[in-house]
Amino acid sequence: MSVLQPRLGFCCKFIPEDGDAEAARRMNAVTVTMAHLARLGPFAAFDKLSAAVGHNLQALQNQIDHVAQRPSLERLLRITSTLLPGYTHPSCQSFYRDADLRRLIERGLAAAGEVAQAGGVRLSMHPSQFCVLATTSEPAAQNALGELEYHAEVMALMGFGGGWHPHGAHINVHGGARAPGIEGFRANFARLSETARNLVTVENDEVSYSLDELLPLAGLLPIVLDLHHHWIASRGEYIRPDDPRIAHIIASWRGVRPVSHISVSREDLLPEHDIFVRPDFAALTAAGIKPKDLRAHSDLMWNEAINDLVADHLVWTDFEVEAKSKNIASEGLARHVERRRGCARNRFSPRVGRGPCADQTQGEPSPGSRPG
């Protein structure tokens, strides 16, 4: 599988466009809480957990099968971290040592990895926000290390555990707390296994570590650029592909095609906003909208101008679409990109309108750009 071809995709959950509940159940992982398992006897708890694991492994393969059948531009998928419920929780460790359950996991993950590699599907994982390497708390550090080793084990069992980000696979985290700084991140990163160190990436955010603050880590691990986080943290900058910082991000991946994140502020926060104009942070906050509200992700990639920016960045990076409508949003963005590519190939399109196509009539949005 080459990681040089541009890709974009969705994160963790599949949403059927027709609302088919059975399709949603078949395609998505189920959760089991530790509190629920604690109320059951050991045999019932094991049966409950095993059933959830079996369902989740099949759902993962179903998701990968679906993505592998999409156009090549859309063959990217973020795997849910809840694939193996309670894997790092002390109450479940004896369950996961069961030989039959272990064989189920190993076979299921190996099969899913084979489908991904055969179908050219690029995979990632993203532990929760509580998984932080920059921390002054040893219990928090131990929790983060355990979670990252779990994610690395999943990737390794899928066939992505050998060498530097094989087939573009990665496990992404946020920087963590500000108090220990970048050196605190470095110290705990060094405590990870080699397999985990070769898979972990770090992204910028709005609160703790901006893009500029993460760039000193570019020699240690790959940097994931989140365009929306950067827009918030910088108070309105839309970073361009020719920005000098992009070269440092690319270098941090050491020959592997980078991955970035994209989202946009919610539709209901900006209901009358011109979809062909990128939101202006200064104007919006001056009008009384709070930055914390601008941080929330939209349902769809409704802003055509931001979609154009994504298309520009695809020359160097892939994108995970962090929108609440998941695959529906990423498919809409992919259609926008493909339409724009088609227009670029047609030199003689008349310049009418402001959409991704040169001959698009003014005010006509891309398919799927607004709900309803």
Protein backbone atom coordinates (compact mmCIF):
# COMPACT_ATOMS: atom_id res chain seq x y z
CA MET A 1 0.00 0.00 0.00
CA SER A 2 1.35 3.39 -0.97
CA VAL A 3 0.74 6.30 1.38
CA LEU A 4 1.64 8.84 -1.28
CA GLN A 5 -1.87 8.97 -2.75
CA PRO A 6 -4.13 11.56 -1.03
CA ARG A 7 -6.72 10.16 1.33
CA LEU A 8 -9.40 11.47 3.64
CA GLY A 9 -11.85 9.66 5.85
CA PHE A 10 -14.02 9.49 8.93
CA CYS A 11 -13.49 8.73 12.60
CA CYS A 12 -14.67 5.67 14.52
CA LYS A 13 -18.40 5.54 13.84
CA PHE A 14 -20.39 4.78 10.68
CA ILE A 15 -23.73 6.52 10.14
CA PRO A 16 -26.08 5.02 7.50
CA GLU A 17 -27.54 7.79 5.36
CA ASP A 18 -30.93 6.05 5.34
CA GLY A 19 -30.98 5.72 9.14
CA ASP A 20 -30.97 1.91 9.00
CA ALA A 21 -30.60 0.89 12.65
CA GLU A 22 -29.52 -2.66 11.83
CA ALA A 23 -26.78 -1.39 9.50
CA ALA A 24 -25.60 0.97 12.23
CA ARG A 25 -25.46 -1.90 14.72
CA ARG A 26 -23.57 -4.11 12.29
CA MET A 27 -21.00 -1.41 11.48
CA ASN A 28 -20.26 -0.01 14.93
CA ALA A 29 -18.65 -1.12 18.16
CA VAL A 30 -20.66 -1.61 21.32
CA THR A 31 -19.54 -0.51 24.76
CA VAL A 32 -19.50 -2.34 28.07
CA THR A 33 -18.99 -0.31 31.24
CA MET A 34 -16.84 -1.57 34.08
CA ALA A 35 -19.68 -0.75 36.47
CA HIS A 36 -22.03 -3.05 34.58
CA LEU A 37 -19.52 -5.90 34.53
CA ALA A 38 -18.94 -5.46 38.27
CA ARG A 39 -22.61 -6.14 38.93
CA LEU A 40 -22.39 -9.51 37.19
CA GLY A 41 -20.89 -12.74 38.40
CA PRO A 42 -17.49 -13.68 36.91
CA PHE A 43 -18.91 -16.12 34.34
CA ALA A 44 -21.65 -13.75 33.20
CA ALA A 45 -19.18 -10.87 33.07
CA PHE A 46 -16.80 -12.91 30.92
CA ASP A 47 -19.61 -13.92 28.55
CA LYS A 48 -20.77 -10.30 28.28
CA LEU A 49 -17.28 -9.03 27.56
CA SER A 50 -16.51 -11.81 25.08
CA ALA A 51 -19.73 -11.13 23.17
CA ALA A 52 -18.87 -7.43 22.95
CA VAL A 53 -15.34 -8.17 21.74
CA GLY A 54 -16.61 -10.58 19.09
CA HIS A 55 -19.16 -8.04 17.86
CA ASN A 56 -16.58 -5.24 17.81
CA LEU A 57 -14.03 -7.23 15.83
CA GLN A 58 -16.65 -8.03 13.20
CA ALA A 59 -17.82 -4.40 13.14
CA LEU A 60 -14.22 -3.29 12.60
CA GLN A 61 -13.88 -5.60 9.62
CA ASN A 62 -17.22 -4.38 8.28
CA GLN A 63 -16.04 -0.76 8.51
CA ILE A 64 -12.76 -1.56 6.79
CA ASP A 65 -14.59 -3.53 4.09
CA HIS A 66 -16.81 -0.51 3.49
CA VAL A 67 -13.91 1.93 3.31
CA ALA A 68 -11.92 -0.40 1.02
CA GLN A 69 -14.80 -0.26 -1.48
CA ARG A 70 -14.94 3.54 -1.48
CA PRO A 71 -13.04 5.58 -4.09
CA SER A 72 -9.29 5.72 -3.43
CA LEU A 73 -9.55 9.28 -2.07
CA GLU A 74 -11.75 8.03 0.81
CA ARG A 75 -9.67 5.06 2.01
CA LEU A 76 -8.78 6.31 5.46
CA LEU A 77 -10.32 5.29 8.78
CA ARG A 78 -9.80 6.06 12.45
CA ILE A 79 -10.49 2.97 14.59
CA THR A 80 -12.41 3.39 17.82
CA SER A 81 -10.36 3.09 21.00
CA THR A 82 -13.19 1.11 22.65
CA LEU A 83 -12.59 -1.85 20.36
CA LEU A 84 -11.57 -4.06 23.30
CA PRO A 85 -13.62 -2.75 26.24
CA GLY A 86 -11.75 -2.46 29.54
CA TYR A 87 -8.54 -3.89 28.10
CA THR A 88 -6.36 -1.86 30.47
CA HIS A 89 -8.74 -1.99 33.45
CA PRO A 90 -7.57 -4.19 36.35
CA SER A 91 -10.98 -5.90 36.62
CA CYS A 92 -10.75 -7.21 33.05
CA GLN A 93 -7.14 -8.34 32.87
CA SER A 94 -7.90 -11.93 33.90
CA PHE A 95 -10.62 -12.10 31.24
CA TYR A 96 -8.26 -10.98 28.51
CA ARG A 97 -5.75 -13.67 29.54
CA ASP A 98 -8.28 -16.35 28.59
CA ALA A 99 -6.79 -18.42 25.76
CA ASP A 100 -10.01 -18.63 23.72
CA LEU A 101 -10.67 -14.89 23.94
CA ARG A 102 -7.05 -14.19 23.07
CA ARG A 103 -7.30 -16.34 19.94
CA LEU A 104 -10.51 -14.55 18.94
CA ILE A 105 -8.76 -11.19 19.26
CA GLU A 106 -5.62 -12.24 17.42
CA ARG A 107 -7.51 -13.81 14.53
CA GLY A 108 -10.01 -10.96 14.27
CA LEU A 109 -7.39 -8.23 14.25
CA ALA A 110 -5.15 -10.11 11.82
CA ALA A 111 -8.07 -10.56 9.41
CA ALA A 112 -9.05 -6.88 9.67
CA GLY A 113 -5.44 -5.81 9.04
CA GLU A 114 -5.22 -8.01 5.96
CA VAL A 115 -8.37 -6.43 4.54
CA ALA A 116 -6.99 -2.95 5.23
CA GLN A 117 -3.68 -3.64 3.53
CA ALA A 118 -5.29 -5.37 0.54
CA GLY A 119 -7.76 -2.50 0.14
CA GLY A 120 -5.28 0.31 0.61
CA VAL A 121 -7.02 1.61 3.74
CA ARG A 122 -4.91 3.83 5.97
CA LEU A 123 -5.66 3.32 9.68
CA SER A 124 -5.20 5.29 12.87
CA MET A 125 -6.31 5.37 16.50
CA HIS A 126 -6.78 8.28 18.90
CA PRO A 127 -6.87 7.60 22.67
CA SER A 128 -9.06 9.82 24.81
CA GLN A 129 -8.05 13.28 25.99
CA PHE A 130 -7.09 11.76 29.36
CA CYS A 131 -4.20 9.90 27.72
CA VAL A 132 -1.46 12.51 28.14
CA LEU A 133 2.32 12.12 28.18
CA ALA A 134 3.11 15.60 29.46
CA THR A 135 2.06 15.28 33.08
CA THR A 136 3.56 15.73 36.53
CA SER A 137 1.30 12.99 37.92
CA GLU A 138 2.84 9.53 37.95
CA PRO A 139 -0.58 7.80 38.07
CA ALA A 140 -1.65 9.83 35.02
CA ALA A 141 1.60 8.93 33.27
CA GLN A 142 1.14 5.24 34.06
CA ASN A 143 -2.42 5.40 32.70
CA ALA A 144 -1.21 7.07 29.49
CA LEU A 145 1.59 4.56 28.99
CA GLY A 146 -0.80 1.66 29.51
CA GLU A 147 -3.34 3.08 27.08
CA LEU A 148 -0.74 3.71 24.41
CA GLU A 149 0.70 0.21 24.79
CA TYR A 150 -2.84 -1.17 24.37
CA HIS A 151 -3.33 0.83 21.17
CA ALA A 152 0.11 -0.24 19.92
CA GLU A 153 -0.77 -3.88 20.59
CA VAL A 154 -3.96 -3.56 18.54
CA MET A 155 -1.99 -2.06 15.67
CA ALA A 156 0.70 -4.74 15.92
CA LEU A 157 -1.86 -7.55 15.87
CA MET A 158 -3.30 -5.98 12.72
CA GLY A 159 0.13 -6.15 11.09
CA PHE A 160 1.24 -2.56 11.69
CA GLY A 161 3.78 -3.14 14.45
CA GLY A 162 7.02 -3.38 12.53
CA GLY A 163 9.07 -0.24 11.95
CA TRP A 164 8.20 3.42 11.51
CA HIS A 165 4.47 3.99 10.92
CA PRO A 166 4.00 1.02 8.56
CA HIS A 167 1.46 1.72 5.82
CA GLY A 168 0.93 5.14 7.42
CA ALA A 169 -0.57 3.68 10.62
CA HIS A 170 -0.40 5.88 13.70
CA ILE A 171 -1.74 6.46 17.22
CA ASN A 172 -2.39 10.14 17.86
CA VAL A 173 -2.36 12.01 21.18
CA HIS A 174 -2.57 15.57 22.44
CA GLY A 175 0.45 17.07 24.17
CA GLY A 176 -0.98 17.07 27.66
CA ALA A 177 -0.59 19.45 30.59
CA ARG A 178 1.44 22.63 30.24
CA ALA A 179 3.21 22.41 33.60
CA PRO A 180 5.80 19.75 32.64
CA GLY A 181 6.27 21.27 29.19
CA ILE A 182 7.76 19.62 26.13
CA GLU A 183 10.52 18.03 28.20
CA GLY A 184 7.90 16.27 30.30
CA PHE A 185 6.42 14.86 27.11
CA ARG A 186 9.86 13.68 25.97
CA ALA A 187 10.55 11.96 29.28
CA ASN A 188 7.38 9.89 29.27
CA PHE A 189 7.56 9.19 25.54
CA ALA A 190 10.93 7.54 26.19
CA ARG A 191 9.21 5.09 28.57
CA LEU A 192 7.10 3.58 25.77
CA SER A 193 8.04 0.38 23.98
CA GLU A 194 9.80 0.71 20.64
CA THR A 195 6.65 -0.47 18.87
CA ALA A 196 4.59 2.26 20.50
CA ARG A 197 7.23 4.95 19.92
CA ASN A 198 7.20 4.07 16.22
CA LEU A 199 3.42 4.58 16.04
CA VAL A 200 2.66 7.60 18.25
CA THR A 201 2.01 11.06 16.81
CA VAL A 202 1.07 14.33 18.53
CA GLU A 203 -1.36 17.07 17.48
CA ASN A 204 -1.70 20.75 18.31
CA ASP A 205 -4.70 21.98 20.30
CA GLU A 206 -6.32 25.21 21.47
CA VAL A 207 -5.48 25.02 25.17
CA SER A 208 -2.15 23.38 25.98
CA TYR A 209 0.17 23.16 22.99
CA SER A 210 -0.14 25.23 19.83
CA LEU A 211 1.49 24.18 16.57
CA ASP A 212 4.48 26.43 17.22
CA GLU A 213 4.93 24.97 20.69
CA LEU A 214 4.90 21.41 19.32
CA LEU A 215 7.36 21.97 16.47
CA PRO A 216 10.40 21.35 18.76
CA LEU A 217 9.15 17.72 18.92
CA ALA A 218 9.45 17.32 15.14
CA GLY A 219 12.70 15.43 15.50
CA LEU A 220 11.15 12.99 17.98
CA LEU A 221 7.81 12.00 16.45
CA PRO A 222 5.41 13.10 13.70
CA ILE A 223 3.32 16.23 14.15
CA VAL A 224 -0.37 16.06 13.22
CA LEU A 225 -1.69 19.46 12.13
CA ASP A 226 -5.25 20.18 13.24
CA LEU A 227 -6.40 23.12 11.11
CA HIS A 228 -9.42 23.93 13.28
CA HIS A 229 -7.46 23.82 16.54
CA HIS A 230 -4.87 26.08 14.93
CA TRP A 231 -7.54 28.55 13.80
CA ILE A 232 -8.81 28.80 17.38
CA ALA A 233 -5.40 28.94 19.08
CA SER A 234 -4.03 31.56 16.67
CA ARG A 235 -7.22 33.63 16.89
CA GLY A 236 -8.08 33.23 13.25
CA GLU A 237 -5.10 32.14 11.13
CA TYR A 238 -5.80 29.80 8.23
CA ILE A 239 -2.45 28.14 7.68
CA ARG A 240 -1.56 27.68 4.01
CA PRO A 241 0.32 24.79 2.34
CA ASP A 242 3.26 27.09 1.57
CA ASP A 243 3.66 28.15 5.21
CA PRO A 244 7.28 27.44 6.31
CA ARG A 245 6.01 25.38 9.26
CA ILE A 246 4.51 22.82 6.90
CA ALA A 247 8.01 21.75 5.82
CA HIS A 248 8.87 20.95 9.45
CA ILE A 249 5.67 18.89 9.81
CA ILE A 250 6.45 16.94 6.65
CA ALA A 251 10.02 16.29 7.83
CA SER A 252 8.72 14.99 11.17
CA TRP A 253 7.02 12.06 9.36
CA ARG A 254 10.36 10.91 7.87
CA GLY A 255 9.16 9.89 4.44
CA VAL A 256 5.63 8.81 5.43
CA ARG A 257 2.78 10.92 4.06
CA PRO A 258 1.48 13.09 6.95
CA VAL A 259 -2.03 13.11 8.34
CA SER A 260 -3.91 16.23 9.45
CA HIS A 261 -7.30 16.89 11.04
CA ILE A 262 -10.08 19.12 9.79
CA SER A 263 -13.34 20.34 11.24
CA VAL A 264 -15.36 23.56 11.20
CA SER A 265 -17.51 25.43 13.69
CA ARG A 266 -21.08 24.23 14.08
CA GLU A 267 -23.80 25.05 11.57
CA ASP A 268 -26.28 26.18 14.24
CA LEU A 269 -23.71 28.64 15.60
CA LEU A 270 -23.31 30.30 12.19
CA PRO A 271 -26.67 29.62 10.48
CA GLU A 272 -26.58 32.61 8.14
CA HIS A 273 -22.89 32.45 7.29
CA ASP A 274 -21.93 32.58 3.60
CA ILE A 275 -20.75 29.05 2.79
CA PHE A 276 -18.27 30.44 0.22
CA VAL A 277 -16.48 32.63 2.80
CA ARG A 278 -14.26 31.26 5.55
CA PRO A 279 -15.38 32.22 9.07
CA ASP A 280 -13.60 35.30 10.42
CA PHE A 281 -12.54 34.63 14.02
CA ALA A 282 -12.07 38.28 14.96
CA ALA A 283 -15.42 39.33 13.50
CA LEU A 284 -17.27 36.44 15.11
CA THR A 285 -15.81 36.98 18.58
CA ALA A 286 -16.38 40.74 18.26
CA ALA A 287 -20.03 39.92 17.56
CA GLY A 288 -20.20 38.11 20.91
CA ILE A 289 -19.54 34.47 19.97
CA LYS A 290 -17.27 32.83 22.53
CA PRO A 291 -14.13 31.01 21.34
CA LYS A 292 -15.14 27.92 23.32
CA ASP A 293 -18.33 27.75 21.25
CA LEU A 294 -16.39 28.10 18.02
CA ARG A 295 -14.34 25.04 19.03
CA ALA A 296 -17.29 22.63 18.75
CA HIS A 297 -17.35 20.51 15.59
CA SER A 298 -20.06 20.79 12.97
CA ASP A 299 -22.22 17.96 11.65
CA LEU A 300 -21.04 18.35 8.04
CA MET A 301 -18.23 20.12 6.20
CA TRP A 302 -20.61 22.91 5.31
CA ASN A 303 -18.13 25.68 4.46
CA GLU A 304 -17.01 25.53 0.82
CA ALA A 305 -14.09 27.90 1.38
CA ILE A 306 -12.62 25.69 4.12
CA ASN A 307 -13.18 22.67 1.87
CA ASP A 308 -11.13 24.48 -0.78
CA LEU A 309 -8.37 24.93 1.81
CA VAL A 310 -8.45 21.18 2.52
CA ALA A 311 -8.14 20.48 -1.21
CA ASP A 312 -5.06 22.72 -1.33
CA HIS A 313 -3.46 20.91 1.63
CA LEU A 314 -4.08 17.48 0.09
CA VAL A 315 -0.96 18.06 -2.01
CA TRP A 316 1.08 17.10 1.08
CA THR A 317 -1.21 15.53 3.71
CA ASP A 318 -4.13 13.19 4.26
CA PHE A 319 -7.11 14.28 6.40
CA GLU A 320 -9.22 12.78 9.13
CA VAL A 321 -12.59 14.57 9.07
CA GLU A 322 -13.68 15.30 12.64
CA ALA A 323 -17.35 16.01 12.00
CA LYS A 324 -20.31 14.65 13.93
CA SER A 325 -21.93 13.15 10.84
CA LYS A 326 -18.83 11.01 10.34
CA ASN A 327 -18.78 9.22 6.96
CA ILE A 328 -21.59 11.41 5.59
CA ALA A 329 -19.41 14.48 6.19
CA SER A 330 -16.23 12.91 4.81
CA GLU A 331 -18.03 11.71 1.68
CA GLY A 332 -19.41 15.20 1.11
CA LEU A 333 -15.91 16.66 1.43
CA ALA A 334 -14.56 14.03 -0.97
CA ARG A 335 -17.19 14.98 -3.56
CA HIS A 336 -16.16 18.63 -3.18
CA VAL A 337 -12.50 17.74 -3.76
CA GLU A 338 -13.27 15.56 -6.77
CA ARG A 339 -15.47 18.24 -8.33
CA ARG A 340 -12.72 20.79 -7.85
CA ARG A 341 -10.20 18.44 -9.44
CA GLY A 342 -12.54 17.97 -12.38
CA CYS A 343 -12.83 21.71 -12.83
CA ALA A 344 -9.06 22.14 -12.67
CA ARG A 345 -8.74 19.68 -15.55
CA ASN A 346 -11.13 21.77 -17.65
CA ARG A 347 -9.18 24.84 -18.71
CA PHE A 348 -12.08 26.33 -20.61
CA SER A 349 -14.67 26.48 -17.82
CA PRO A 350 -16.22 29.97 -17.68
CA ARG A 351 -15.57 31.89 -14.47
CA VAL A 352 -19.04 32.12 -12.96
CA GLY A 353 -19.81 31.84 -9.25
CA ARG A 354 -17.57 31.14 -6.30
CA GLY A 355 -17.83 27.38 -5.73
CA PRO A 356 -15.18 24.71 -6.28
CA CYS A 357 -16.19 24.42 -9.94
CA ALA A 358 -15.33 27.34 -12.16
CA ASP A 359 -18.70 27.15 -13.92
CA GLN A 360 -20.72 26.65 -10.74
CA THR A 361 -23.61 29.03 -10.34
CA GLN A 362 -23.29 31.47 -7.47
CA GLY A 363 -24.60 30.19 -4.17
CA GLU A 364 -24.87 26.53 -5.16
CA PRO A 365 -23.35 24.38 -2.41
CA SER A 366 -21.58 21.07 -2.80
CA PRO A 367 -23.77 17.98 -2.25
CA GLY A 368 -24.06 17.21 1.45
CA SER A 369 -22.66 20.54 2.56
CA ARG A 370 -25.70 21.40 4.69
CA PRO A 371 -28.02 19.09 6.61
CA GLY A 372 -31.60 18.70 5.56
